[in-house]
Protein backbone atom coordinates (compact mmCIF):
# COMPACT_ATOMS: atom_id res chain seq x y z
CA UNK A 1 29.32 -37.74 -24.78
CA UNK A 2 31.70 -35.55 -22.84
CA UNK A 3 30.74 -32.25 -21.23
CA UNK A 4 33.39 -29.59 -20.88
CA UNK A 5 33.26 -27.46 -17.74
CA UNK A 6 33.41 -23.71 -18.04
CA UNK A 7 36.78 -22.22 -17.10
CA UNK A 8 35.11 -18.98 -16.09
CA UNK A 9 35.49 -18.70 -12.31
CA UNK A 10 32.32 -17.97 -10.31
CA UNK A 11 32.27 -14.55 -8.76
CA UNK A 12 32.09 -14.88 -5.00
CA UNK A 13 30.55 -11.96 -3.23
CA UNK A 14 32.13 -10.67 -0.02
CA UNK A 15 30.24 -12.06 2.98
CA UNK A 16 27.86 -9.85 4.86
CA UNK A 17 26.54 -9.71 8.39
CA UNK A 18 23.21 -8.18 9.42
CA UNK A 19 22.16 -7.39 12.96
CA UNK A 20 19.55 -5.37 14.78
CA UNK A 21 21.02 -2.17 16.26
CA UNK A 22 19.21 -0.02 18.77
CA UNK A 23 18.61 3.47 17.46
CA UNK A 24 20.86 5.13 20.04
CA UNK A 25 23.76 2.89 18.99
CA UNK A 26 23.53 3.65 15.23
CA UNK A 27 26.68 5.56 14.15
CA UNK A 28 26.79 8.61 11.90
CA UNK A 29 28.71 6.63 9.26
CA UNK A 30 25.95 4.02 9.25
CA UNK A 31 23.31 6.75 8.82
CA UNK A 32 25.16 8.17 5.85
CA UNK A 33 25.62 4.73 4.32
CA UNK A 34 21.98 3.90 4.72
CA UNK A 35 20.85 7.19 3.21
CA UNK A 36 23.11 6.76 0.14
CA UNK A 37 21.49 3.40 -0.50
CA UNK A 38 17.99 4.73 0.20
CA UNK A 39 18.28 7.82 -1.99
CA UNK A 40 18.81 5.71 -5.12
CA UNK A 41 15.43 4.04 -4.76
CA UNK A 42 13.25 6.81 -3.36
CA UNK A 43 12.51 10.36 -4.47
CA UNK A 44 11.53 13.43 -2.43
CA UNK A 45 13.40 12.45 0.72
CA UNK A 46 16.09 14.88 1.95
CA UNK A 47 18.63 13.57 4.46
CA UNK A 48 16.99 15.59 7.22
CA UNK A 49 13.63 13.85 6.56
CA UNK A 50 15.34 10.45 6.49
CA UNK A 51 16.96 11.13 9.86
CA UNK A 52 13.77 12.52 11.38
CA UNK A 53 11.98 9.26 10.41
CA UNK A 54 14.83 7.15 11.78
CA UNK A 55 14.64 9.03 15.12
CA UNK A 56 11.10 7.67 15.55
CA UNK A 57 12.19 4.03 15.18
CA UNK A 58 13.24 1.60 17.89
CA UNK A 59 16.21 0.45 15.90
CA UNK A 60 17.38 -0.76 12.51
CA UNK A 61 18.64 -4.01 10.94
CA UNK A 62 21.90 -3.12 9.20
CA UNK A 63 23.71 -5.35 6.70
CA UNK A 64 27.41 -4.69 6.11
CA UNK A 65 30.10 -6.24 4.01
CA UNK A 66 32.54 -8.02 6.28
CA UNK A 67 35.52 -6.97 4.13
CA UNK A 68 35.12 -3.20 4.36
CA UNK A 69 32.10 -2.46 6.58
CA UNK A 70 30.12 -0.89 3.74
CA UNK A 71 26.35 -0.77 4.27
CA UNK A 72 24.65 -2.99 1.68
CA UNK A 73 21.17 -3.14 3.18
CA UNK A 74 18.99 -2.01 6.05
CA UNK A 75 15.47 -2.17 7.43
CA UNK A 76 14.24 0.30 10.07
CA UNK A 77 12.02 -1.12 12.80
CA UNK A 78 9.80 -0.09 15.72
CA UNK A 79 7.78 -1.87 18.36
CA UNK A 80 4.65 -0.12 19.59
CA UNK A 81 1.23 -0.65 21.12
CA UNK A 82 -2.17 0.10 19.59
CA UNK A 83 -5.74 -0.74 20.54
CA UNK A 84 -8.16 -2.99 18.69
CA UNK A 85 -11.67 -3.69 19.95
CA UNK A 86 -10.74 -2.36 23.38
CA UNK A 87 -7.67 -4.59 23.76
CA UNK A 88 -4.00 -3.66 23.50
CA UNK A 89 -2.11 -5.20 20.60
CA UNK A 90 1.63 -5.04 20.09
CA UNK A 91 2.88 -4.23 16.61
CA UNK A 92 6.27 -4.71 14.98
CA UNK A 93 6.65 -2.19 12.17
CA UNK A 94 9.17 -2.46 9.34
CA UNK A 95 9.80 0.90 7.75
CA UNK A 96 12.31 1.81 5.05
CA UNK A 97 13.90 -1.36 3.66
CA UNK A 98 16.57 -1.61 0.97
CA UNK A 99 18.93 -4.47 0.06
CA UNK A 100 21.56 -4.39 -2.69
CA UNK A 101 20.59 -6.67 -5.58
CA UNK A 102 23.70 -8.82 -5.42
CA UNK A 103 22.73 -9.82 -1.88
CA UNK A 104 19.09 -10.55 -2.54
CA UNK A 105 18.24 -13.94 -1.06
CA UNK A 106 21.10 -13.78 1.43
CA UNK A 107 19.99 -15.43 4.71
CA UNK A 108 21.44 -12.59 6.80
CA UNK A 109 18.25 -10.48 6.40
CA UNK A 110 15.62 -13.08 7.36
CA UNK A 111 17.85 -14.32 10.21
CA UNK A 112 18.20 -10.86 11.67
CA UNK A 113 14.48 -10.22 11.32
CA UNK A 114 13.52 -13.56 12.82
CA UNK A 115 15.79 -13.00 15.85
CA UNK A 116 14.13 -9.69 16.47
CA UNK A 117 10.60 -11.08 16.07
CA UNK A 118 11.36 -14.01 18.36
CA UNK A 119 12.89 -11.74 21.00
CA UNK A 120 9.80 -9.52 20.93
CA UNK A 121 7.52 -12.58 21.11
CA UNK A 122 9.37 -13.89 24.18
CA UNK A 123 9.37 -10.44 25.85
CA UNK A 124 5.61 -10.15 25.40
CA UNK A 125 4.27 -13.75 25.49
CA UNK A 126 0.70 -12.99 26.54
CA UNK A 127 -0.25 -10.16 24.22
CA UNK A 128 -1.36 -10.33 20.60
CA UNK A 129 1.59 -9.64 18.28
CA UNK A 130 1.41 -8.65 14.61
CA UNK A 131 3.70 -7.36 11.89
CA UNK A 132 2.66 -4.05 10.36
CA UNK A 133 3.94 -2.56 7.12
CA UNK A 134 2.86 -0.01 4.55
CA UNK A 135 3.49 -1.17 1.00
CA UNK A 136 4.33 1.18 -1.85
CA UNK A 137 5.81 -1.51 -4.09
CA UNK A 138 4.47 -4.99 -4.87
CA UNK A 139 7.69 -6.69 -3.81
CA UNK A 140 7.22 -5.45 -0.28
CA UNK A 141 3.66 -6.76 -0.32
CA UNK A 142 4.84 -10.14 -1.58
CA UNK A 143 7.10 -10.54 1.43
CA UNK A 144 3.89 -10.55 3.47
CA UNK A 145 1.63 -12.39 1.06
CA UNK A 146 4.11 -15.18 0.23
CA UNK A 147 5.30 -15.85 3.73
CA UNK A 148 2.53 -15.33 6.28
CA UNK A 149 -0.34 -17.69 7.07
CA UNK A 150 -2.79 -15.04 8.18
CA UNK A 151 -2.52 -11.53 6.75
CA UNK A 152 -4.37 -8.52 5.33
CA UNK A 153 -5.06 -7.62 2.55
CA UNK A 154 -5.41 -11.11 1.17
CA UNK A 155 -6.46 -12.16 -2.37
CA UNK A 156 -8.04 -15.29 -0.96
CA UNK A 157 -10.40 -13.51 1.43
CA UNK A 158 -10.47 -10.64 3.86
CA UNK A 159 -9.45 -11.16 7.47
CA UNK A 160 -11.74 -8.70 9.31
CA UNK A 161 -9.68 -8.68 12.50
CA UNK A 162 -6.35 -8.08 10.77
CA UNK A 163 -7.96 -5.28 8.74
CA UNK A 164 -8.85 -3.62 12.03
CA UNK A 165 -5.31 -4.23 13.24
CA UNK A 166 -3.75 -2.68 10.12
CA UNK A 167 -6.07 0.37 10.33
CA UNK A 168 -5.43 0.85 14.06
CA UNK A 169 -1.64 0.64 13.52
CA UNK A 170 -1.84 3.13 10.64
CA UNK A 171 -3.85 5.54 12.79
CA UNK A 172 -1.29 5.23 15.59
CA UNK A 173 1.82 5.85 13.46
CA UNK A 174 0.31 8.11 10.81
CA UNK A 175 -2.66 9.96 12.33
CA UNK A 176 -4.97 11.48 9.76
CA UNK A 177 -3.18 9.83 6.80
CA UNK A 178 -5.29 6.67 6.40
CA UNK A 179 -8.03 6.62 3.81
CA UNK A 180 -10.46 4.21 5.40
CA UNK A 181 -12.37 3.72 2.11
CA UNK A 182 -9.46 2.08 0.30
CA UNK A 183 -6.99 1.22 3.09
CA UNK A 184 -4.24 3.43 1.72
CA UNK A 185 -1.94 5.67 3.71
CA UNK A 186 -1.72 8.91 1.70
CA UNK A 187 0.94 11.48 2.50
CA UNK A 188 0.07 13.99 -0.22
CA UNK A 189 2.93 16.35 -1.09
CA UNK A 190 5.03 14.69 1.62
CA UNK A 191 4.88 11.33 -0.18
CA UNK A 192 8.18 9.55 -0.80
CA UNK A 193 7.72 8.21 -4.35
CA UNK A 194 9.76 5.35 -5.83
CA UNK A 195 12.36 6.18 -8.46
CA UNK A 196 11.24 5.44 -12.01
CA UNK A 197 13.52 2.45 -12.46
CA UNK A 198 12.42 0.72 -9.25
CA UNK A 199 9.81 -2.08 -9.30
CA UNK A 200 7.95 -1.36 -12.52
CA UNK A 201 4.95 -3.66 -13.01
CA UNK A 202 5.09 -5.37 -16.40
CA UNK A 203 2.28 -7.13 -18.27
CA UNK A 204 3.97 -10.46 -17.50
CA UNK A 205 4.08 -9.64 -13.80
CA UNK A 206 0.41 -8.75 -13.86
CA UNK A 207 -0.28 -12.37 -14.73
CA UNK A 208 0.77 -13.21 -11.17
CA UNK A 209 -2.48 -13.00 -9.21
CA UNK A 210 -1.01 -11.41 -6.10
CA UNK A 211 0.75 -8.69 -8.08
CA UNK A 212 -2.43 -7.91 -10.01
CA UNK A 213 -4.27 -7.85 -6.66
CA UNK A 214 -1.75 -5.42 -5.21
CA UNK A 215 -2.10 -3.06 -8.18
CA UNK A 216 -5.87 -3.24 -7.93
CA UNK A 217 -5.72 -2.35 -4.22
CA UNK A 218 -3.05 0.34 -4.66
CA UNK A 219 -3.34 1.73 -8.21
CA UNK A 220 -1.46 4.93 -7.36
CA UNK A 221 1.54 3.10 -5.84
CA UNK A 222 4.12 4.75 -8.12
CA UNK A 223 3.15 8.19 -6.82
CA UNK A 224 3.69 7.30 -3.19
CA UNK A 225 0.44 5.78 -1.96
CA UNK A 226 1.09 3.11 0.66
CA UNK A 227 -1.14 0.13 1.41
CA UNK A 228 -1.71 -0.65 5.10
CA UNK A 229 -0.89 -4.35 5.75
CA UNK A 230 -0.73 -6.65 8.74
CA UNK A 231 0.42 -10.22 9.38
CA UNK A 232 -0.21 -12.35 12.44
CA UNK A 233 2.76 -13.35 14.61
CA UNK A 234 0.74 -15.52 17.02
CA UNK A 235 2.21 -18.49 18.83
CA UNK A 236 0.23 -20.75 16.50
CA UNK A 237 2.03 -19.12 13.56
CA UNK A 238 5.40 -20.02 15.08
CA UNK A 239 4.18 -23.56 15.68
CA UNK A 240 2.94 -23.99 12.17
CA UNK A 241 6.20 -22.61 10.77
CA UNK A 242 8.20 -25.13 12.80
CA UNK A 243 6.05 -27.99 11.57
CA UNK A 244 6.42 -26.82 7.98
CA UNK A 245 10.16 -27.32 7.69
CA UNK A 246 10.25 -26.66 3.96
CA UNK A 247 9.75 -22.94 4.60
CA UNK A 248 11.22 -20.28 6.82
CA UNK A 249 9.68 -16.88 7.52
CA UNK A 250 11.05 -15.26 4.32
CA UNK A 251 11.92 -18.18 2.11
CA UNK A 252 9.78 -19.21 -0.84
CA UNK A 253 8.34 -22.70 -1.28
CA UNK A 254 5.09 -24.52 -0.55
CA UNK A 255 3.58 -24.92 2.90
CA UNK A 256 2.27 -28.31 4.04
CA UNK A 257 -0.07 -26.73 6.54
CA UNK A 258 -1.80 -24.37 4.10
CA UNK A 259 -1.62 -23.78 0.38
CA UNK A 260 -3.43 -20.77 -0.92
CA UNK A 261 -4.91 -21.18 -4.40
CA UNK A 262 -3.36 -17.95 -5.61
CA UNK A 263 0.09 -19.04 -4.55
CA UNK A 264 -0.08 -22.20 -6.63
CA UNK A 265 -1.00 -20.49 -9.90
CA UNK A 266 2.35 -18.91 -10.69
CA UNK A 267 5.75 -19.66 -9.17
CA UNK A 268 6.95 -16.05 -9.12
CA UNK A 269 10.36 -15.13 -7.79
CA UNK A 270 10.35 -11.44 -6.82
CA UNK A 271 13.45 -9.30 -6.53
CA UNK A 272 13.77 -6.77 -3.71
CA UNK A 273 15.87 -4.27 -5.66
CA UNK A 274 16.71 -3.33 -9.22
CA UNK A 275 20.21 -1.84 -8.92
CA UNK A 276 23.65 -2.99 -7.75
CA UNK A 277 26.10 -1.31 -5.42
CA UNK A 278 28.47 -0.72 -8.29
CA UNK A 279 25.72 1.25 -10.02
CA UNK A 280 25.12 3.17 -6.83
CA UNK A 281 28.78 4.12 -6.65
CA UNK A 282 28.73 5.13 -10.31
CA UNK A 283 25.75 7.39 -9.63
CA UNK A 284 27.65 8.99 -6.74
CA UNK A 285 30.62 9.67 -9.08
CA UNK A 286 28.31 11.24 -11.67
CA UNK A 287 26.55 13.30 -9.04
CA UNK A 288 29.86 14.59 -7.63
CA UNK A 289 31.16 15.39 -11.11
CA UNK A 290 27.96 17.27 -11.97
CA UNK A 291 28.17 19.19 -8.70
CA UNK A 292 31.80 20.17 -9.31
CA UNK A 293 31.05 21.32 -12.86
CA UNK A 294 28.11 23.40 -11.67
CA UNK A 295 30.34 25.04 -9.08
């Protein structure tokens, strides 16, 4: 039996490069490019608010197409100190993060993040180091839950220390916003809600234990409630990751060192975004046309 090969050529995406840029070195064009991407996914965030938030960060991971320099993804970042049980703890916080759908899974993002984490680990070798994030959508939470050995909140059991770490970090960055009863960071009228088409939770997705767990912990996620999360970046974590060569920090698979029961139930492949750059550009055209007609 013969098998004919398809004559349809595979579409090859332009290559991208992602690197960490210190805040003071981020250009105006980059800020505009990041905001255009960001505004498609999030509501209630004027450009001025976006820039004010960026000014509080240490820097940002920016992904650009090599062919034309267009921003196709970014993740803001900050390194700061907080105190837990009377001891100083260093936190690495990932803020606003967006990646164009066609580049989901591209190694540029995890590579840039890992270089930053490793550099911070080497700069501060003798202090506890953790990753802190606030999760409005389940896909953000899954980055933590599917790729860290020790983290909070965890469907397989609560880590009391990391809970304290997450709460302390939230109090440091967002004073007065943390609800200590449910672990949610609530911004009220200032909340930056997800657009309606972004990360809807379907009945099928609720069959994935970690997604159902996320929704149970953060039932008001679509309206802007953020769940305080923390993951350990200890030296032992780096050692275990090196021994478990089948996984990298943000690549899915099974760990030899530790398999969580919830991870083995459903092999779920999350997507980080729900819209392509071409759709973004089309939205910009529509917005400009609408603006011109209104004028």
